[in-house]
Amino acid sequence: MPDPAIVLSDVDLSLGRGAARVHVLRGISLAVARGEAVGLVGPSGSGKSTLLMVMAGLERPDSGTIAVEGTDLGGLDEDALARFRGRRIGIVFQAFHLVPTMTALENVALPLELADKPEALARARAELEAVGLGHRLHHYPAQLSGGEQQRVAIARAVAPDPAILVADEPTGNLDEATGRQIVDLLFALKRDRGATLVLVTHDAGLARLCDRTVRLRSGLVEAPVAA
């Protein structure tokens, strides 16, 4: 694969302690091409979300290596990893994870301010307008619908113009019609910005929109399947 965006080599990870310790990822090796859309699928407990978090640098493996955009994440300390993630990786969660005491505009501006980007509020406004929320800039999360909150979360994820966009069940808390709008938005942003997209989903229709699906079972890659 020429010039991959993400490369995992023999990644192993266990979570928990003592008798509760669970072997979640078992020797995962996987490469994702630049600009590719990859769906991670499989039964609950198969390791999909954990694999996504490892790719995003939110979980460190017990062994193996993860390279993102040519950078070995294992070689970065926590501060450097946070800076790298803030610049290069946008993350969308099922549960939105917006700051409840901040307006939509402030939520989207936050990662820009943390990355010392100029004109953070102006850029945040433009991102919210791009996802159809130009009229909701000064609303707090509790004043927004689930679909609107997810649009804010997507605007926040893409505002720093990341090369990698990861999404964990981005439609899981939404009704079918709203979920379809969010899917269309994610793929439009991915296409327009040339980003690499990796998403976890139980939705077979959403998985089919990806260039490729990777199926996990019991912490192992069962089979890459052409979409």
C-alpha atoms as a PDB file:
ATOM      1  CA  MET A   1       0.000   0.000   0.000  1.00  0.00           C
ATOM      2  CA  PRO A   2       1.648   3.287  -1.082  1.00  0.00           C
ATOM      3  CA  ASP A   3       2.014   6.017   1.538  1.00  0.00           C
ATOM      4  CA  PRO A   4      -0.352   4.705   4.251  1.00  0.00           C
ATOM      5  CA  ALA A   5      -1.976   7.113   6.711  1.00  0.00           C
ATOM      6  CA  ILE A   6      -2.129   4.600   9.576  1.00  0.00           C
ATOM      7  CA  VAL A   7      -0.014   1.493  10.155  1.00  0.00           C
ATOM      8  CA  LEU A   8      -0.517  -0.885  13.082  1.00  0.00           C
ATOM      9  CA  SER A   9       1.995  -3.687  13.565  1.00  0.00           C
ATOM     10  CA  ASP A  10       1.326  -6.597  15.944  1.00  0.00           C
ATOM     11  CA  VAL A  11      -0.664  -4.461  18.395  1.00  0.00           C
ATOM     12  CA  ASP A  12      -1.632  -6.166  21.652  1.00  0.00           C
ATOM     13  CA  LEU A  13      -3.678  -4.606  24.449  1.00  0.00           C
ATOM     14  CA  SER A  14      -5.241  -5.884  27.646  1.00  0.00           C
ATOM     15  CA  LEU A  15      -7.500  -3.802  29.898  1.00  0.00           C
ATOM     16  CA  GLY A  16      -8.405  -4.199  33.558  1.00  0.00           C
ATOM     17  CA  ARG A  17      -6.510  -5.822  36.407  1.00  0.00           C
ATOM     18  CA  GLY A  18      -6.211  -9.204  38.005  1.00  0.00           C
ATOM     19  CA  ALA A  19      -9.092 -11.576  37.373  1.00  0.00           C
ATOM     20  CA  ALA A  20     -10.945  -8.788  35.526  1.00  0.00           C
ATOM     21  CA  ARG A  21      -8.139  -8.299  32.996  1.00  0.00           C
ATOM     22  CA  VAL A  22      -9.352  -8.819  29.413  1.00  0.00           C
ATOM     23  CA  HIS A  23      -7.193  -9.385  26.340  1.00  0.00           C
ATOM     24  CA  VAL A  24      -8.903  -6.885  24.003  1.00  0.00           C
ATOM     25  CA  LEU A  25      -6.593  -6.681  20.961  1.00  0.00           C
ATOM     26  CA  ARG A  26      -4.547  -9.683  19.878  1.00  0.00           C
ATOM     27  CA  GLY A  27      -1.658  -9.009  17.505  1.00  0.00           C
ATOM     28  CA  ILE A  28      -3.516  -6.603  15.216  1.00  0.00           C
ATOM     29  CA  SER A  29      -1.662  -5.593  12.044  1.00  0.00           C
ATOM     30  CA  LEU A  30      -3.471  -3.234   9.700  1.00  0.00           C
ATOM     31  CA  ALA A  31      -2.736  -0.437   7.243  1.00  0.00           C
ATOM     32  CA  VAL A  32      -5.093   2.340   6.130  1.00  0.00           C
ATOM     33  CA  ALA A  33      -4.318   4.293   2.966  1.00  0.00           C
ATOM     34  CA  ARG A  34      -4.406   8.081   2.800  1.00  0.00           C
ATOM     35  CA  GLY A  35      -7.881   9.260   1.856  1.00  0.00           C
ATOM     36  CA  GLU A  36      -9.427   5.838   2.446  1.00  0.00           C
ATOM     37  CA  ALA A  37     -12.701   5.288   4.322  1.00  0.00           C
ATOM     38  CA  VAL A  38     -12.529   2.168   6.475  1.00  0.00           C
ATOM     39  CA  GLY A  39     -15.375   0.713   8.524  1.00  0.00           C
ATOM     40  CA  LEU A  40     -14.558  -1.362  11.619  1.00  0.00           C
ATOM     41  CA  VAL A  41     -17.326  -3.905  12.121  1.00  0.00           C
ATOM     42  CA  GLY A  42     -17.976  -6.925  14.304  1.00  0.00           C
ATOM     43  CA  PRO A  43     -19.997  -8.064  17.321  1.00  0.00           C
ATOM     44  CA  SER A  44     -20.104  -6.136  20.585  1.00  0.00           C
ATOM     45  CA  GLY A  45     -16.952  -6.757  22.605  1.00  0.00           C
ATOM     46  CA  SER A  46     -14.856  -7.615  19.560  1.00  0.00           C
ATOM     47  CA  GLY A  47     -12.436  -4.720  20.143  1.00  0.00           C
ATOM     48  CA  LYS A  48     -13.638  -2.254  17.495  1.00  0.00           C
ATOM     49  CA  SER A  49     -13.832   0.842  19.682  1.00  0.00           C
ATOM     50  CA  THR A  50     -10.584  -0.012  21.470  1.00  0.00           C
ATOM     51  CA  LEU A  51      -8.817  -0.402  18.132  1.00  0.00           C
ATOM     52  CA  LEU A  52     -10.144   3.007  17.080  1.00  0.00           C
ATOM     53  CA  MET A  53      -8.905   4.570  20.328  1.00  0.00           C
ATOM     54  CA  VAL A  54      -5.466   3.015  19.772  1.00  0.00           C
ATOM     55  CA  MET A  55      -5.355   4.493  16.264  1.00  0.00           C
ATOM     56  CA  ALA A  56      -6.280   7.904  17.692  1.00  0.00           C
ATOM     57  CA  GLY A  57      -3.624   7.737  20.403  1.00  0.00           C
ATOM     58  CA  LEU A  58      -6.203   7.667  23.199  1.00  0.00           C
ATOM     59  CA  GLU A  59      -5.079   4.201  24.346  1.00  0.00           C
ATOM     60  CA  ARG A  60      -1.506   2.944  24.389  1.00  0.00           C
ATOM     61  CA  PRO A  61      -0.956  -0.721  23.490  1.00  0.00           C
ATOM     62  CA  ASP A  62       0.959  -3.143  25.675  1.00  0.00           C
ATOM     63  CA  SER A  63       3.097  -4.069  22.678  1.00  0.00           C
ATOM     64  CA  GLY A  64       3.341  -3.411  18.952  1.00  0.00           C
ATOM     65  CA  THR A  65       3.617  -0.123  17.080  1.00  0.00           C
ATOM     66  CA  ILE A  66       1.224   2.494  15.703  1.00  0.00           C
ATOM     67  CA  ALA A  67       2.357   4.997  13.092  1.00  0.00           C
ATOM     68  CA  VAL A  68       0.036   7.826  12.060  1.00  0.00           C
ATOM     69  CA  GLU A  69       1.041  10.129   9.218  1.00  0.00           C
ATOM     70  CA  GLY A  70       4.559   8.710   9.511  1.00  0.00           C
ATOM     71  CA  THR A  71       4.847   9.454  13.246  1.00  0.00           C
ATOM     72  CA  ASP A  72       5.438   6.596  15.700  1.00  0.00           C
ATOM     73  CA  LEU A  73       2.931   7.298  18.478  1.00  0.00           C
ATOM     74  CA  GLY A  74       4.912   5.149  20.890  1.00  0.00           C
ATOM     75  CA  GLY A  75       7.827   7.573  20.653  1.00  0.00           C
ATOM     76  CA  LEU A  76       5.760  10.517  21.948  1.00  0.00           C
ATOM     77  CA  ASP A  77       5.282  11.425  25.595  1.00  0.00           C
ATOM     78  CA  GLU A  78       1.784  12.337  26.769  1.00  0.00           C
ATOM     79  CA  ASP A  79       2.144  16.064  26.057  1.00  0.00           C
ATOM     80  CA  ALA A  80       3.589  15.517  22.586  1.00  0.00           C
ATOM     81  CA  LEU A  81       0.931  12.913  21.838  1.00  0.00           C
ATOM     82  CA  ALA A  82      -1.832  15.332  22.867  1.00  0.00           C
ATOM     83  CA  ARG A  83      -0.356  18.047  20.616  1.00  0.00           C
ATOM     84  CA  PHE A  84      -0.053  15.629  17.692  1.00  0.00           C
ATOM     85  CA  ARG A  85      -3.618  14.418  18.178  1.00  0.00           C
ATOM     86  CA  GLY A  86      -4.903  17.979  18.357  1.00  0.00           C
ATOM     87  CA  ARG A  87      -3.284  18.840  15.028  1.00  0.00           C
ATOM     88  CA  ARG A  88      -3.650  15.658  13.011  1.00  0.00           C
ATOM     89  CA  ILE A  89      -6.601  13.590  14.323  1.00  0.00           C
ATOM     90  CA  GLY A  90     -10.264  14.581  14.595  1.00  0.00           C
ATOM     91  CA  ILE A  91     -12.436  12.403  16.858  1.00  0.00           C
ATOM     92  CA  VAL A  92     -16.228  12.022  16.843  1.00  0.00           C
ATOM     93  CA  PHE A  93     -17.844  10.032  19.663  1.00  0.00           C
ATOM     94  CA  GLN A  94     -21.278   8.420  19.916  1.00  0.00           C
ATOM     95  CA  ALA A  95     -22.041  10.441  23.052  1.00  0.00           C
ATOM     96  CA  PHE A  96     -20.947  13.813  21.542  1.00  0.00           C
ATOM     97  CA  HIS A  97     -18.738  14.812  24.551  1.00  0.00           C
ATOM     98  CA  LEU A  98     -19.501  18.519  24.236  1.00  0.00           C
ATOM     99  CA  VAL A  99     -18.632  20.833  27.131  1.00  0.00           C
ATOM    100  CA  PRO A 100     -22.066  21.623  28.632  1.00  0.00           C
ATOM    101  CA  THR A 101     -21.091  25.074  29.923  1.00  0.00           C
ATOM    102  CA  MET A 102     -19.847  26.225  26.514  1.00  0.00           C
ATOM    103  CA  THR A 103     -21.908  27.377  23.543  1.00  0.00           C
ATOM    104  CA  ALA A 104     -21.673  25.591  20.206  1.00  0.00           C
ATOM    105  CA  LEU A 105     -19.286  28.282  19.013  1.00  0.00           C
ATOM    106  CA  GLU A 106     -17.079  27.952  22.087  1.00  0.00           C
ATOM    107  CA  ASN A 107     -17.037  24.146  21.839  1.00  0.00           C
ATOM    108  CA  VAL A 108     -15.784  24.269  18.258  1.00  0.00           C
ATOM    109  CA  ALA A 109     -13.274  27.031  18.992  1.00  0.00           C
ATOM    110  CA  LEU A 110     -11.777  25.122  21.931  1.00  0.00           C
ATOM    111  CA  PRO A 111      -9.427  22.777  20.003  1.00  0.00           C
ATOM    112  CA  LEU A 112      -8.355  25.683  17.799  1.00  0.00           C
ATOM    113  CA  GLU A 113      -7.460  27.747  20.838  1.00  0.00           C
ATOM    114  CA  LEU A 114      -5.593  24.825  22.402  1.00  0.00           C
ATOM    115  CA  ALA A 115      -3.606  24.465  19.181  1.00  0.00           C
ATOM    116  CA  ASP A 116      -2.892  28.239  19.097  1.00  0.00           C
ATOM    117  CA  LYS A 117      -4.677  28.601  15.763  1.00  0.00           C
ATOM    118  CA  PRO A 118      -5.321  32.225  14.736  1.00  0.00           C
ATOM    119  CA  GLU A 119      -8.865  33.614  14.635  1.00  0.00           C
ATOM    120  CA  ALA A 120     -10.303  30.605  16.446  1.00  0.00           C
ATOM    121  CA  LEU A 121     -13.806  32.055  16.832  1.00  0.00           C
ATOM    122  CA  ALA A 122     -14.044  33.072  13.180  1.00  0.00           C
ATOM    123  CA  ARG A 123     -12.918  29.604  12.073  1.00  0.00           C
ATOM    124  CA  ALA A 124     -15.336  27.963  14.485  1.00  0.00           C
ATOM    125  CA  ARG A 125     -18.182  30.063  13.105  1.00  0.00           C
ATOM    126  CA  ALA A 126     -17.296  28.993   9.558  1.00  0.00           C
ATOM    127  CA  GLU A 127     -17.224  25.311  10.563  1.00  0.00           C
ATOM    128  CA  LEU A 128     -20.635  25.552  12.226  1.00  0.00           C
ATOM    129  CA  GLU A 129     -22.048  27.269   9.171  1.00  0.00           C
ATOM    130  CA  ALA A 130     -20.591  24.455   7.041  1.00  0.00           C
ATOM    131  CA  VAL A 131     -22.569  21.865   9.027  1.00  0.00           C
ATOM    132  CA  GLY A 132     -25.773  23.911   8.867  1.00  0.00           C
ATOM    133  CA  LEU A 133     -25.676  25.420  12.361  1.00  0.00           C
ATOM    134  CA  GLY A 134     -24.912  29.038  11.639  1.00  0.00           C
ATOM    135  CA  HIS A 135     -28.158  29.942  13.425  1.00  0.00           C
ATOM    136  CA  ARG A 136     -27.250  28.000  16.606  1.00  0.00           C
ATOM    137  CA  LEU A 137     -23.846  29.489  17.412  1.00  0.00           C
ATOM    138  CA  HIS A 138     -24.749  30.735  20.877  1.00  0.00           C
ATOM    139  CA  HIS A 139     -26.858  27.791  22.016  1.00  0.00           C
ATOM    140  CA  TYR A 140     -25.626  25.438  24.723  1.00  0.00           C
ATOM    141  CA  PRO A 141     -25.624  21.636  24.190  1.00  0.00           C
ATOM    142  CA  ALA A 142     -28.738  21.186  26.342  1.00  0.00           C
ATOM    143  CA  GLN A 143     -30.583  23.549  23.998  1.00  0.00           C
ATOM    144  CA  LEU A 144     -29.700  21.455  20.926  1.00  0.00           C
ATOM    145  CA  SER A 145     -31.201  18.249  19.561  1.00  0.00           C
ATOM    146  CA  GLY A 146     -29.113  15.087  19.374  1.00  0.00           C
ATOM    147  CA  GLY A 147     -28.484  15.601  15.682  1.00  0.00           C
ATOM    148  CA  GLU A 148     -27.442  19.199  16.253  1.00  0.00           C
ATOM    149  CA  GLN A 149     -25.095  18.160  19.046  1.00  0.00           C
ATOM    150  CA  GLN A 150     -23.455  15.625  16.760  1.00  0.00           C
ATOM    151  CA  ARG A 151     -23.069  18.293  14.071  1.00  0.00           C
ATOM    152  CA  VAL A 152     -21.307  20.492  16.624  1.00  0.00           C
ATOM    153  CA  ALA A 153     -19.085  17.537  17.544  1.00  0.00           C
ATOM    154  CA  ILE A 154     -18.214  16.975  13.881  1.00  0.00           C
ATOM    155  CA  ALA A 155     -17.487  20.675  13.365  1.00  0.00           C
ATOM    156  CA  ARG A 156     -15.195  20.552  16.401  1.00  0.00           C
ATOM    157  CA  ALA A 157     -13.418  17.460  15.063  1.00  0.00           C
ATOM    158  CA  VAL A 158     -12.739  18.905  11.616  1.00  0.00           C
ATOM    159  CA  ALA A 159     -12.003  22.509  12.649  1.00  0.00           C
ATOM    160  CA  PRO A 160      -8.217  21.961  13.027  1.00  0.00           C
ATOM    161  CA  ASP A 161      -8.241  20.425   9.496  1.00  0.00           C
ATOM    162  CA  PRO A 162      -6.973  16.996  10.589  1.00  0.00           C
ATOM    163  CA  ALA A 163      -5.553  14.458   8.161  1.00  0.00           C
ATOM    164  CA  ILE A 164      -7.310  11.638  10.032  1.00  0.00           C
ATOM    165  CA  LEU A 165     -10.958  11.577  11.106  1.00  0.00           C
ATOM    166  CA  VAL A 166     -12.135   8.764  13.400  1.00  0.00           C
ATOM    167  CA  ALA A 167     -15.722   8.197  14.487  1.00  0.00           C
ATOM    168  CA  ASP A 168     -17.053   5.743  17.075  1.00  0.00           C
ATOM    169  CA  GLU A 169     -20.683   4.816  16.314  1.00  0.00           C
ATOM    170  CA  PRO A 170     -21.400   8.401  15.145  1.00  0.00           C
ATOM    171  CA  THR A 171     -25.092   7.633  14.539  1.00  0.00           C
ATOM    172  CA  GLY A 172     -25.614   5.369  17.572  1.00  0.00           C
ATOM    173  CA  ASN A 173     -27.633   7.908  19.598  1.00  0.00           C
ATOM    174  CA  LEU A 174     -29.667   9.262  16.678  1.00  0.00           C
ATOM    175  CA  ASP A 175     -32.873   8.300  14.921  1.00  0.00           C
ATOM    176  CA  GLU A 176     -32.596   6.826  11.439  1.00  0.00           C
ATOM    177  CA  ALA A 177     -33.320  10.014   9.467  1.00  0.00           C
ATOM    178  CA  THR A 178     -30.983  12.163  11.545  1.00  0.00           C
ATOM    179  CA  GLY A 179     -28.326   9.441  11.427  1.00  0.00           C
ATOM    180  CA  ARG A 180     -28.466   9.454   7.636  1.00  0.00           C
ATOM    181  CA  GLN A 181     -27.913  13.219   7.596  1.00  0.00           C
ATOM    182  CA  ILE A 182     -24.883  12.820   9.863  1.00  0.00           C
ATOM    183  CA  VAL A 183     -23.469  10.057   7.644  1.00  0.00           C
ATOM    184  CA  ASP A 184     -23.888  12.206   4.544  1.00  0.00           C
ATOM    185  CA  LEU A 185     -22.166  15.074   6.329  1.00  0.00           C
ATOM    186  CA  LEU A 186     -19.215  12.955   7.491  1.00  0.00           C
ATOM    187  CA  PHE A 187     -18.572  11.535   4.044  1.00  0.00           C
ATOM    188  CA  ALA A 188     -18.964  14.939   2.372  1.00  0.00           C
ATOM    189  CA  LEU A 189     -16.410  16.451   4.757  1.00  0.00           C
ATOM    190  CA  LYS A 190     -14.081  13.505   4.212  1.00  0.00           C
ATOM    191  CA  ARG A 191     -14.373  13.883   0.431  1.00  0.00           C
ATOM    192  CA  ASP A 192     -14.053  17.672   0.349  1.00  0.00           C
ATOM    193  CA  ARG A 193     -11.010  17.748   2.653  1.00  0.00           C
ATOM    194  CA  GLY A 194      -9.238  14.633   1.424  1.00  0.00           C
ATOM    195  CA  ALA A 195      -9.135  13.207   4.952  1.00  0.00           C
ATOM    196  CA  THR A 196      -8.743   9.571   5.924  1.00  0.00           C
ATOM    197  CA  LEU A 197     -11.863   8.268   7.702  1.00  0.00           C
ATOM    198  CA  VAL A 198     -12.012   5.313  10.085  1.00  0.00           C
ATOM    199  CA  LEU A 199     -15.318   4.569  11.767  1.00  0.00           C
ATOM    200  CA  VAL A 200     -16.826   1.962  14.054  1.00  0.00           C
ATOM    201  CA  THR A 201     -20.380   0.994  13.218  1.00  0.00           C
ATOM    202  CA  HIS A 202     -23.024  -1.693  13.706  1.00  0.00           C
ATOM    203  CA  ASP A 203     -24.942  -0.225  10.743  1.00  0.00           C
ATOM    204  CA  ALA A 204     -24.436  -2.426   7.674  1.00  0.00           C
ATOM    205  CA  GLY A 205     -25.617   0.381   5.385  1.00  0.00           C
ATOM    206  CA  LEU A 206     -23.042   2.763   6.792  1.00  0.00           C
ATOM    207  CA  ALA A 207     -20.297   0.137   6.509  1.00  0.00           C
ATOM    208  CA  ARG A 208     -21.133  -0.371   2.834  1.00  0.00           C
ATOM    209  CA  LEU A 209     -20.428   3.300   2.144  1.00  0.00           C
ATOM    210  CA  CYS A 210     -16.798   2.765   3.161  1.00  0.00           C
ATOM    211  CA  ASP A 211     -14.095   1.824   0.672  1.00  0.00           C
ATOM    212  CA  ARG A 212     -13.296  -1.206   2.817  1.00  0.00           C
ATOM    213  CA  THR A 213     -14.556  -2.927   5.925  1.00  0.00           C
ATOM    214  CA  VAL A 214     -12.403  -4.690   8.515  1.00  0.00           C
ATOM    215  CA  ARG A 215     -14.211  -7.261  10.643  1.00  0.00           C
ATOM    216  CA  LEU A 216     -13.067  -7.954  14.175  1.00  0.00           C
ATOM    217  CA  ARG A 217     -13.927 -10.886  16.411  1.00  0.00           C
ATOM    218  CA  SER A 218     -12.469 -11.523  19.869  1.00  0.00           C
ATOM    219  CA  GLY A 219      -9.710  -8.964  19.350  1.00  0.00           C
ATOM    220  CA  LEU A 220      -8.565 -10.393  16.024  1.00  0.00           C
ATOM    221  CA  VAL A 221      -8.971  -9.172  12.451  1.00  0.00           C
ATOM    222  CA  GLU A 222     -11.279 -11.815  11.068  1.00  0.00           C
ATOM    223  CA  ALA A 223     -11.158 -10.737   7.455  1.00  0.00           C
ATOM    224  CA  PRO A 224     -10.796  -7.544   5.445  1.00  0.00           C
ATOM    225  CA  VAL A 225     -13.751  -7.467   3.054  1.00  0.00           C
ATOM    226  CA  ALA A 226     -14.133  -5.357  -0.062  1.00  0.00           C
ATOM    227  CA  ALA A 227     -17.047  -2.947   0.445  1.00  0.00           C
END
